Protein backbone atom coordinates (compact mmCIF):
# COMPACT_ATOMS: atom_id res chain seq x y z
CA MET A 1 -9.11 -9.68 -5.60
CA LEU A 2 -7.50 -11.27 -2.47
CA LEU A 3 -8.30 -10.64 0.77
CA ALA A 4 -6.67 -12.00 4.32
CA PRO A 5 -7.79 -10.56 7.51
CA PHE A 6 -4.43 -10.54 10.07
CA GLN A 7 -4.14 -10.61 13.60
CA VAL A 8 -3.87 -7.46 15.46
CA GLU A 9 -3.46 -7.11 19.11
CA ALA A 10 -5.57 -4.23 19.78
CA SER A 11 -6.29 -2.51 23.16
CA ARG A 12 -8.81 0.30 24.27
CA SER A 13 -8.20 2.60 26.47
CA SER A 14 -10.48 3.29 29.13
CA ASN A 15 -12.43 6.64 29.67
CA ARG A 16 -10.51 8.78 32.56
CA ALA A 17 -13.30 9.12 35.17
CA GLY A 18 -14.96 12.58 34.02
CA GLU A 19 -13.01 13.03 31.26
CA ASN A 20 -15.05 13.99 27.98
CA PRO A 21 -14.66 11.59 25.25
CA GLU A 22 -14.41 14.40 22.52
CA LYS A 23 -11.94 16.01 24.21
CA GLN A 24 -9.72 13.28 24.31
CA LEU A 25 -10.31 12.60 20.86
CA LYS A 26 -8.98 16.26 19.62
CA THR A 27 -6.07 15.68 21.74
CA GLN A 28 -5.07 12.83 19.83
CA ALA A 29 -5.66 14.04 16.72
CA GLN A 30 -3.92 17.31 17.72
CA GLN A 31 -0.96 15.06 18.92
CA HIS A 32 -0.66 13.37 15.62
CA ALA A 33 -1.23 16.08 13.33
CA GLN A 34 1.75 17.36 10.77
CA HIS A 35 3.44 19.96 12.20
CA ASP A 36 4.63 22.87 10.07
CA PHE A 37 7.86 22.27 7.93
CA ARG A 38 7.79 18.43 8.60
CA VAL A 39 8.38 16.54 5.67
CA GLY A 40 5.81 13.32 4.87
CA GLN A 41 6.56 10.46 3.40
CA ALA A 42 5.13 11.31 0.02
CA SER A 43 8.64 12.82 -0.81
CA CYS A 44 10.52 9.73 1.34
CA PHE A 45 11.73 7.91 -1.37
CA GLY A 46 11.02 4.23 -0.40
CA CYS A 47 8.52 5.34 2.12
CA GLY A 48 5.99 7.51 -0.22
CA CYS A 49 7.32 5.94 -3.74
CA TRP A 50 9.56 3.82 -5.48
CA ALA A 51 10.55 3.16 -8.73
CA GLN A 52 13.41 0.09 -10.04
CA LYS A 53 14.24 -1.17 -13.28
CA PRO A 54 15.58 -5.18 -13.16
CA SER A 55 19.32 -4.34 -12.93
CA ARG A 56 19.57 -6.08 -9.30
CA PRO A 57 20.32 -9.91 -8.99
CA GLY A 58 17.32 -12.27 -9.18
CA ALA A 59 15.11 -8.93 -10.67
CA ILE A 60 12.89 -9.79 -14.01
CA ALA A 61 10.65 -6.66 -14.17
CA SER A 62 10.73 -2.95 -13.67
CA THR A 63 8.50 -1.46 -11.05
CA ALA A 64 6.88 1.83 -9.72
CA VAL A 65 5.16 2.47 -6.62
CA SER A 66 2.99 5.12 -4.63
CA THR A 67 1.99 4.43 -1.31
CA THR A 68 -1.01 6.64 0.76
CA GLY A 69 -2.45 5.75 4.24
CA CYS A 70 -0.92 6.96 7.47
CA GLY A 71 2.53 8.39 7.25
CA GLU A 72 4.23 7.14 10.41
CA HIS A 73 3.59 3.84 9.29
CA LEU A 74 4.76 3.87 5.61
CA VAL A 75 8.15 5.77 6.94
CA ARG A 76 8.40 2.81 9.67
CA THR A 77 8.05 0.02 6.89
CA PHE A 78 9.25 1.33 3.73
CA LEU A 79 6.07 0.21 2.42
CA ALA A 80 7.02 1.62 -0.96
CA LYS A 81 10.63 -0.24 -1.03
CA GLU A 82 9.46 -3.63 0.14
CA CYS A 83 6.44 -3.21 -2.71
CA GLY A 84 8.82 -2.72 -5.10
CA GLU A 85 11.68 -4.92 -4.46
CA ALA A 86 9.19 -7.81 -4.05
CA LEU A 87 7.64 -7.49 -7.38
CA ALA A 88 10.78 -7.12 -9.57
CA GLY A 89 11.64 -10.52 -8.64
CA THR A 90 8.35 -12.22 -9.03
CA ARG A 91 6.33 -13.35 -12.35
CA GLN A 92 3.13 -14.12 -9.39
CA PRO A 93 2.77 -10.55 -8.75
CA LEU A 94 -0.93 -10.52 -6.94
CA GLN A 95 0.43 -13.21 -4.33
CA GLU A 96 3.66 -11.31 -4.11
CA LEU A 97 2.42 -8.23 -3.28
CA GLN A 98 -0.27 -9.79 -0.50
CA ARG A 99 2.53 -11.60 0.72
CA VAL A 100 4.60 -8.21 1.19
CA MET A 101 1.66 -6.49 2.89
CA LYS A 102 1.34 -8.86 5.24
CA GLU A 103 4.64 -9.67 6.54
CA ARG A 104 6.57 -6.02 5.70
CA PHE A 105 2.91 -4.31 6.70
CA ALA A 106 0.60 -5.94 8.90
CA GLU A 107 3.41 -7.83 10.54
CA SER A 108 5.93 -5.32 10.74
CA GLU A 109 7.72 -5.40 14.19
CA PHE A 110 8.10 -1.64 13.22
CA LEU A 111 4.56 -1.43 13.78
CA ALA A 112 4.13 -3.69 16.60
CA GLY A 113 1.19 -2.34 19.59
CA VAL A 114 -0.31 -0.34 16.50
CA PRO A 115 -3.72 -1.46 16.58
CA GLU A 116 -4.75 -0.59 13.21
CA LYS A 117 -2.03 -0.50 10.06
CA LEU A 118 -3.50 2.34 7.81
CA GLY A 119 -1.50 1.84 4.29
CA GLY A 120 -2.25 1.27 0.53
CA ALA A 121 -0.02 1.33 -2.67
CA ILE A 122 -0.99 1.35 -6.40
CA CYS A 123 2.05 -0.82 -8.45
CA MET A 124 2.88 -1.20 -11.98
CA GLN A 125 4.90 -3.93 -12.97
CA PHE A 126 6.49 -4.80 -16.30
CA ASP A 127 8.00 -7.64 -17.45
CA LYS A 128 10.01 -6.77 -20.63
CA GLU A 129 10.62 -10.28 -21.71
CA ALA A 130 7.23 -11.70 -20.61
CA GLY A 131 6.00 -8.43 -22.25
CA ALA A 132 3.52 -8.56 -19.95
CA GLY A 133 2.68 -5.84 -17.51
CA GLU A 134 0.44 -5.55 -14.22
CA PHE A 135 -1.41 -2.54 -12.57
CA LEU A 136 -2.31 -3.26 -8.83
CA TRP A 137 -3.36 -1.79 -5.66
CA THR A 138 -3.60 -2.52 -2.01
CA HIS A 139 -5.00 -1.65 0.87
CA THR A 140 -5.69 -1.97 4.57
CA THR A 141 -8.20 1.22 4.83
CA ALA A 142 -11.84 0.79 4.32
CA SER A 143 -11.42 2.22 1.12
CA MET A 144 -9.01 3.82 -1.62
CA GLY A 145 -9.57 5.69 -4.69
CA ILE A 146 -7.28 4.97 -7.51
CA GLY A 147 -7.41 5.41 -11.50
CA PHE A 148 -5.52 4.30 -14.52
CA GLN A 149 -5.51 4.23 -18.30
CA SER A 150 -3.16 2.80 -20.87
CA THR A 151 -1.96 3.90 -24.17
CA HIS A 152 -4.29 1.34 -25.68
CA GLU A 153 -7.08 2.78 -23.89
CA GLU A 154 -9.47 5.95 -24.63
CA ASP A 155 -10.42 6.44 -20.87
CA ALA A 156 -9.34 6.12 -17.58
CA THR A 157 -10.88 3.35 -15.50
CA VAL A 158 -11.74 5.29 -12.02
CA LYS A 159 -12.86 3.45 -9.21
CA MET A 160 -13.34 3.15 -5.17
CA SER A 161 -11.94 -0.05 -4.07
CA ARG A 162 -13.17 -0.94 -0.77
CA LEU A 163 -13.13 -3.64 1.75
CA PRO A 164 -16.18 -5.99 1.95
CA PRO A 165 -18.48 -4.55 4.64
CA SER A 166 -17.70 -7.70 6.87
CA ALA A 167 -13.70 -6.94 6.91
CA GLN A 168 -12.60 -4.39 9.46
CA GLN A 169 -10.51 -1.86 8.62
CA GLY A 170 -6.53 -1.52 9.85
CA THR A 171 -7.09 -5.83 10.39
CA THR A 172 -7.91 -6.74 6.39
CA ILE A 173 -5.25 -6.44 3.53
CA LEU A 174 -7.25 -6.45 0.01
CA VAL A 175 -4.77 -6.76 -3.41
CA GLU A 176 -6.23 -6.68 -6.66
CA ALA A 177 -4.88 -6.29 -10.08
CA VAL A 178 -5.68 -5.60 -13.71
CA PRO A 179 -3.26 -6.86 -16.49
CA PHE A 180 -2.39 -3.97 -19.24
CA PRO A 181 -1.22 -4.69 -22.73
CA THR A 182 2.38 -4.45 -23.53
CA ASN A 183 3.16 -5.68 -27.35
CA HIS A 184 3.86 -2.29 -28.38
CA LEU A 185 5.92 -1.78 -25.36
CA SER A 186 8.06 -4.78 -25.54
CA SER A 187 9.23 -4.29 -28.81
CA GLN A 188 11.02 -1.21 -28.19
C-alpha cells in the first residue's frame, strides 16, 4: 500500500451574516446536482473508462481502467486515460499509479482551486511477455468498495478500501495492488 499526502490550498467561505448554514449547503448541493439528459463521466472514454493493448510506442502491457468519484474532477483530468496510458508503459505499476494520481489528478492544473480532489480508479495491467498481471486500485475518497476474482479462484474477494484514520479525504492518495496468476493466459 502506498499513501501520499499532497498539499491542497483550501479556502473556507465564511457564513454570510444571518444566513442559515444548512440552507447554504442545500443550495450548493442543488447547484452541483446532475441535470436531466446530462451525460456523466462513466460513459466518456478517457474519463470514466479506458482500455488499450500495448500497440503504442513504449507500451509493454495491456490495461483497463474504470473510475469513480466526482464526475467533474474525472472529466477535467481524463483520469482513466492518464492511468491507462501510464500503466501500459511500466513494470512498476504501483509506483506509476501513485505518480499519475499525484501529478495528473491531485496536482492537475485543471483542478486548481478545488480544495478536495475526489476520485478513484480500479485498474488492470497485463504484461503478456512477462506473464504478469496486476489488479490495482487508488482513491482520494475516505473509502472505496472493490471486488475482484481471477479464473483460478472459486470466490471473489470483496473489500472496502479505506484511508487511514489520520488521513484526510481529498488530500491523501491511497494506492494498492494484488498480482493475479496469468500462467494459462500468457501461453495462449
